[in-house]
Amino acid sequence: VTFRVYCLDVLVTFDDYADDTSWVIARGADGEVVASSGTNDGVSSSDRVCLDPGEYEFAISDVYGDGMCCKWGGGGYLVTDGGAGPDAVVAEGAEFGLEERTRFALPF
């Protein structure tokens, strides 16, 4: 039996208030957080997250409620399939309020 994990790349470019932004990936079945943002350098972050097959939800939050664009800088985020071959976009955005959520399943 072959067991495969799937890796995603989470790329975040912060607005002027990087500490306001955080993200999590939670398992769809029980809501358990399986990955989350760590510390950042105030400019950008790049994380590779490897997950088992299943259903998940990516959520990105801004504690001030103004998202990551555009009044306080040009931030944004991109979550892609980090595997071999052409990257598939799982989630992307910049303009949102307190939070934005995207559900996805692995494998795609």
N, C-alpha and C. Protein backbone atom coordinates (compact mmCIF):
# COMPACT_ATOMS: atom_id res chain seq x y z
N VAL A 1 0.85 -1.18 0.00
CA VAL A 1 0.00 0.00 0.00
C VAL A 1 0.89 1.24 0.00
N THR A 2 0.63 2.12 -0.93
CA THR A 2 1.38 3.36 -1.03
C THR A 2 0.57 4.48 -0.40
N PHE A 3 1.22 5.22 0.49
CA PHE A 3 0.55 6.35 1.13
C PHE A 3 1.20 7.62 0.63
N ARG A 4 0.40 8.54 0.17
CA ARG A 4 0.94 9.77 -0.42
C ARG A 4 0.50 10.98 0.38
N VAL A 5 1.40 11.93 0.55
CA VAL A 5 1.04 13.22 1.10
C VAL A 5 1.08 14.24 -0.03
N TYR A 6 0.36 15.31 0.14
CA TYR A 6 0.27 16.37 -0.87
C TYR A 6 0.78 17.65 -0.25
N CYS A 7 1.65 18.33 -0.96
CA CYS A 7 2.26 19.54 -0.43
C CYS A 7 1.69 20.78 -1.12
N LEU A 8 1.44 21.80 -0.30
CA LEU A 8 0.97 23.09 -0.77
C LEU A 8 1.99 24.16 -0.41
N ASP A 9 2.09 25.18 -1.25
CA ASP A 9 2.92 26.34 -0.94
C ASP A 9 1.99 27.50 -0.58
N VAL A 10 2.22 28.08 0.59
CA VAL A 10 1.44 29.22 1.07
C VAL A 10 2.36 30.44 1.02
N LEU A 11 2.06 31.36 0.11
CA LEU A 11 2.87 32.56 -0.10
C LEU A 11 2.05 33.77 0.32
N VAL A 12 2.61 34.58 1.22
CA VAL A 12 1.91 35.76 1.72
C VAL A 12 2.81 36.97 1.57
N THR A 13 2.29 38.02 0.95
CA THR A 13 2.95 39.32 0.91
C THR A 13 2.11 40.23 1.79
N PHE A 14 2.72 40.77 2.83
CA PHE A 14 1.97 41.52 3.83
C PHE A 14 1.74 42.97 3.42
N ASP A 15 0.67 43.55 3.97
CA ASP A 15 0.47 44.99 3.84
C ASP A 15 1.36 45.66 4.88
N ASP A 16 1.09 46.91 5.20
CA ASP A 16 1.94 47.65 6.15
C ASP A 16 1.82 47.15 7.58
N TYR A 17 0.84 46.31 7.86
CA TYR A 17 0.60 45.82 9.22
C TYR A 17 0.63 44.29 9.22
N ALA A 18 1.82 43.73 9.04
CA ALA A 18 1.99 42.29 8.89
C ALA A 18 1.48 41.51 10.10
N ASP A 19 1.64 42.07 11.29
CA ASP A 19 1.23 41.35 12.50
C ASP A 19 -0.28 41.21 12.63
N ASP A 20 -1.05 41.92 11.80
CA ASP A 20 -2.51 41.80 11.82
C ASP A 20 -2.99 40.54 11.09
N THR A 21 -2.12 39.93 10.29
CA THR A 21 -2.51 38.84 9.39
C THR A 21 -2.03 37.49 9.89
N SER A 22 -2.92 36.49 9.83
CA SER A 22 -2.55 35.12 10.16
C SER A 22 -3.39 34.17 9.32
N TRP A 23 -2.93 32.93 9.17
CA TRP A 23 -3.69 31.94 8.40
C TRP A 23 -3.62 30.59 9.10
N VAL A 24 -4.61 29.75 8.79
CA VAL A 24 -4.65 28.37 9.27
C VAL A 24 -5.17 27.47 8.16
N ILE A 25 -4.80 26.20 8.24
CA ILE A 25 -5.42 25.15 7.44
C ILE A 25 -5.99 24.16 8.44
N ALA A 26 -7.30 23.90 8.33
CA ALA A 26 -7.98 23.00 9.25
C ALA A 26 -8.55 21.81 8.48
N ARG A 27 -8.57 20.67 9.14
CA ARG A 27 -9.17 19.47 8.55
C ARG A 27 -10.67 19.68 8.47
N GLY A 28 -11.28 19.33 7.35
CA GLY A 28 -12.70 19.56 7.13
C GLY A 28 -13.60 18.75 8.02
N ALA A 29 -13.21 17.52 8.34
CA ALA A 29 -14.08 16.63 9.11
C ALA A 29 -14.29 17.08 10.54
N ASP A 30 -13.20 17.52 11.19
CA ASP A 30 -13.32 17.85 12.61
C ASP A 30 -12.85 19.26 12.96
N GLY A 31 -12.37 20.01 12.00
CA GLY A 31 -11.94 21.38 12.24
C GLY A 31 -10.59 21.51 12.93
N GLU A 32 -9.88 20.38 13.10
CA GLU A 32 -8.58 20.43 13.76
C GLU A 32 -7.59 21.21 12.89
N VAL A 33 -6.90 22.17 13.49
CA VAL A 33 -5.90 22.96 12.77
C VAL A 33 -4.67 22.07 12.55
N VAL A 34 -4.29 21.93 11.28
CA VAL A 34 -3.16 21.07 10.93
C VAL A 34 -1.94 21.87 10.47
N ALA A 35 -2.11 23.17 10.20
CA ALA A 35 -1.00 24.04 9.83
C ALA A 35 -1.42 25.48 10.11
N SER A 36 -0.45 26.33 10.42
CA SER A 36 -0.76 27.74 10.67
C SER A 36 0.46 28.60 10.38
N SER A 37 0.19 29.89 10.26
CA SER A 37 1.27 30.83 10.00
C SER A 37 2.17 30.93 11.22
N GLY A 38 3.42 31.19 10.95
CA GLY A 38 4.39 31.37 12.03
C GLY A 38 4.78 32.83 12.11
N THR A 39 5.98 33.08 12.54
CA THR A 39 6.47 34.45 12.60
C THR A 39 6.76 34.92 11.18
N ASN A 40 6.79 36.22 11.01
CA ASN A 40 7.06 36.77 9.69
C ASN A 40 8.09 37.87 9.80
N ASP A 41 8.67 38.23 8.67
CA ASP A 41 9.69 39.28 8.64
C ASP A 41 9.10 40.66 8.37
N GLY A 42 7.76 40.74 8.31
CA GLY A 42 7.11 42.01 8.07
C GLY A 42 6.92 42.33 6.60
N VAL A 43 7.48 41.52 5.71
CA VAL A 43 7.38 41.77 4.27
C VAL A 43 6.64 40.63 3.58
N SER A 44 7.10 39.40 3.80
CA SER A 44 6.47 38.25 3.16
C SER A 44 6.79 36.98 3.94
N SER A 45 6.05 35.92 3.60
CA SER A 45 6.35 34.60 4.16
C SER A 45 6.06 33.56 3.10
N SER A 46 6.79 32.46 3.19
CA SER A 46 6.62 31.35 2.27
C SER A 46 6.70 30.07 3.09
N ASP A 47 5.64 29.28 3.06
CA ASP A 47 5.59 28.04 3.83
C ASP A 47 5.17 26.89 2.93
N ARG A 48 5.78 25.74 3.12
CA ARG A 48 5.36 24.51 2.44
C ARG A 48 4.66 23.66 3.49
N VAL A 49 3.43 23.24 3.17
CA VAL A 49 2.61 22.46 4.09
C VAL A 49 2.27 21.14 3.40
N CYS A 50 2.60 20.02 4.03
CA CYS A 50 2.31 18.71 3.45
C CYS A 50 1.20 18.04 4.26
N LEU A 51 0.17 17.58 3.55
CA LEU A 51 -1.05 17.08 4.17
C LEU A 51 -1.43 15.71 3.62
N ASP A 52 -2.13 14.95 4.44
CA ASP A 52 -2.69 13.68 4.01
C ASP A 52 -3.87 13.93 3.08
N PRO A 53 -4.29 12.94 2.30
CA PRO A 53 -5.50 13.09 1.50
C PRO A 53 -6.69 13.41 2.41
N GLY A 54 -7.60 14.23 1.91
CA GLY A 54 -8.79 14.58 2.69
C GLY A 54 -9.33 15.95 2.33
N GLU A 55 -10.31 16.39 3.11
CA GLU A 55 -10.93 17.70 2.91
C GLU A 55 -10.38 18.68 3.94
N TYR A 56 -10.15 19.92 3.47
CA TYR A 56 -9.53 20.95 4.31
C TYR A 56 -10.18 22.30 4.05
N GLU A 57 -9.83 23.26 4.92
CA GLU A 57 -10.25 24.63 4.72
C GLU A 57 -9.07 25.54 5.05
N PHE A 58 -8.74 26.43 4.11
CA PHE A 58 -7.74 27.46 4.33
C PHE A 58 -8.47 28.73 4.76
N ALA A 59 -8.02 29.34 5.85
CA ALA A 59 -8.63 30.60 6.32
C ALA A 59 -7.52 31.60 6.60
N ILE A 60 -7.69 32.81 6.09
CA ILE A 60 -6.75 33.89 6.36
C ILE A 60 -7.52 35.00 7.05
N SER A 61 -6.90 35.60 8.07
CA SER A 61 -7.60 36.59 8.89
C SER A 61 -6.78 37.87 9.01
N ASP A 62 -7.49 38.97 9.20
CA ASP A 62 -6.89 40.26 9.49
C ASP A 62 -7.59 40.82 10.72
N VAL A 63 -6.87 40.95 11.82
CA VAL A 63 -7.52 41.32 13.09
C VAL A 63 -8.15 42.71 13.04
N TYR A 64 -7.64 43.59 12.18
CA TYR A 64 -8.22 44.92 12.08
C TYR A 64 -9.46 44.95 11.20
N GLY A 65 -9.62 43.92 10.35
CA GLY A 65 -10.81 43.82 9.52
C GLY A 65 -10.75 44.50 8.18
N ASP A 66 -9.54 44.86 7.74
CA ASP A 66 -9.43 45.54 6.45
C ASP A 66 -8.67 44.74 5.40
N GLY A 67 -8.53 43.42 5.61
CA GLY A 67 -7.85 42.60 4.63
C GLY A 67 -6.39 42.98 4.47
N MET A 68 -5.87 42.75 3.29
CA MET A 68 -4.44 42.99 3.05
C MET A 68 -4.18 44.00 1.94
N CYS A 69 -5.20 44.55 1.38
CA CYS A 69 -5.04 45.49 0.28
C CYS A 69 -6.20 46.47 0.29
N CYS A 70 -6.12 47.60 0.12
CA CYS A 70 -5.11 48.37 -0.57
C CYS A 70 -4.80 49.68 0.19
N LYS A 71 -5.62 50.01 1.17
CA LYS A 71 -5.43 51.26 1.90
C LYS A 71 -4.10 51.32 2.63
N TRP A 72 -3.67 50.20 3.19
CA TRP A 72 -2.46 50.18 4.01
C TRP A 72 -1.37 49.32 3.38
N GLY A 73 -1.23 49.40 2.07
CA GLY A 73 -0.19 48.64 1.37
C GLY A 73 -0.80 47.58 0.47
N GLY A 74 0.02 47.03 -0.40
CA GLY A 74 -0.45 46.08 -1.40
C GLY A 74 -0.12 44.65 -1.07
N GLY A 75 -0.75 44.10 -0.04
CA GLY A 75 -0.51 42.71 0.33
C GLY A 75 -1.41 41.75 -0.44
N GLY A 76 -1.17 40.47 -0.25
CA GLY A 76 -1.99 39.44 -0.86
C GLY A 76 -1.48 38.07 -0.49
N TYR A 77 -2.23 37.04 -0.89
CA TYR A 77 -1.82 35.67 -0.59
C TYR A 77 -2.12 34.76 -1.77
N LEU A 78 -1.36 33.66 -1.83
CA LEU A 78 -1.51 32.68 -2.89
C LEU A 78 -1.18 31.31 -2.30
N VAL A 79 -2.08 30.36 -2.47
CA VAL A 79 -1.86 28.98 -2.03
C VAL A 79 -1.93 28.12 -3.27
N THR A 80 -0.84 27.38 -3.54
CA THR A 80 -0.78 26.57 -4.74
C THR A 80 -0.40 25.13 -4.40
N ASP A 81 -0.71 24.24 -5.33
CA ASP A 81 -0.28 22.85 -5.25
C ASP A 81 1.23 22.85 -5.45
N GLY A 82 1.95 22.45 -4.43
CA GLY A 82 3.41 22.48 -4.50
C GLY A 82 4.02 21.25 -5.14
N GLY A 83 3.22 20.36 -5.69
CA GLY A 83 3.73 19.12 -6.27
C GLY A 83 4.36 19.33 -7.63
N ALA A 84 4.79 18.24 -8.21
CA ALA A 84 5.39 18.30 -9.55
C ALA A 84 4.34 18.67 -10.58
N GLY A 85 4.78 19.24 -11.67
CA GLY A 85 3.85 19.63 -12.72
C GLY A 85 3.35 21.04 -12.52
N PRO A 86 2.41 21.45 -13.36
CA PRO A 86 1.91 22.82 -13.27
C PRO A 86 1.21 23.05 -11.94
N ASP A 87 1.48 24.19 -11.35
CA ASP A 87 0.85 24.54 -10.07
C ASP A 87 -0.63 24.83 -10.27
N ALA A 88 -1.42 24.33 -9.35
CA ALA A 88 -2.86 24.63 -9.35
C ALA A 88 -3.12 25.60 -8.20
N VAL A 89 -3.87 26.65 -8.47
CA VAL A 89 -4.20 27.63 -7.43
C VAL A 89 -5.30 27.07 -6.56
N VAL A 90 -5.03 26.97 -5.27
CA VAL A 90 -6.00 26.51 -4.29
C VAL A 90 -6.79 27.69 -3.74
N ALA A 91 -6.09 28.77 -3.44
CA ALA A 91 -6.73 29.99 -2.91
C ALA A 91 -5.84 31.17 -3.22
N GLU A 92 -6.46 32.33 -3.41
CA GLU A 92 -5.71 33.57 -3.62
C GLU A 92 -6.61 34.75 -3.32
N GLY A 93 -5.98 35.87 -2.98
CA GLY A 93 -6.77 37.05 -2.70
C GLY A 93 -5.96 38.11 -1.98
N ALA A 94 -6.65 39.21 -1.64
CA ALA A 94 -6.04 40.33 -0.94
C ALA A 94 -7.12 41.18 -0.28
N GLU A 95 -8.19 41.44 -1.02
CA GLU A 95 -9.25 42.30 -0.51
C GLU A 95 -10.32 41.47 0.18
N PHE A 96 -10.37 41.58 1.50
CA PHE A 96 -11.39 40.90 2.31
C PHE A 96 -11.51 41.68 3.61
N GLY A 97 -12.47 41.33 4.43
CA GLY A 97 -12.65 42.01 5.71
C GLY A 97 -11.86 41.33 6.80
N LEU A 98 -12.57 40.76 7.76
CA LEU A 98 -11.93 40.06 8.88
C LEU A 98 -11.31 38.74 8.48
N GLU A 99 -11.95 38.04 7.52
CA GLU A 99 -11.50 36.68 7.21
C GLU A 99 -11.99 36.26 5.83
N GLU A 100 -11.21 35.38 5.22
CA GLU A 100 -11.62 34.77 3.96
C GLU A 100 -11.30 33.28 4.07
N ARG A 101 -12.25 32.43 3.62
CA ARG A 101 -12.10 30.97 3.74
C ARG A 101 -12.26 30.31 2.38
N THR A 102 -11.47 29.25 2.17
CA THR A 102 -11.54 28.47 0.94
C THR A 102 -11.48 26.99 1.30
N ARG A 103 -12.47 26.22 0.87
CA ARG A 103 -12.46 24.76 1.09
C ARG A 103 -11.83 24.09 -0.12
N PHE A 104 -11.10 23.00 0.17
CA PHE A 104 -10.47 22.24 -0.90
C PHE A 104 -10.29 20.79 -0.45
N ALA A 105 -10.06 19.91 -1.42
CA ALA A 105 -9.86 18.49 -1.13
C ALA A 105 -8.56 18.03 -1.78
N LEU A 106 -7.87 17.12 -1.12
CA LEU A 106 -6.67 16.49 -1.65
C LEU A 106 -6.92 15.00 -1.79
N PRO A 107 -6.62 14.36 -2.92
CA PRO A 107 -6.03 15.00 -4.09
C PRO A 107 -7.04 15.88 -4.82
N PHE A 108 -6.50 16.73 -5.70
CA PHE A 108 -7.35 17.64 -6.46
C PHE A 108 -8.17 16.89 -7.46
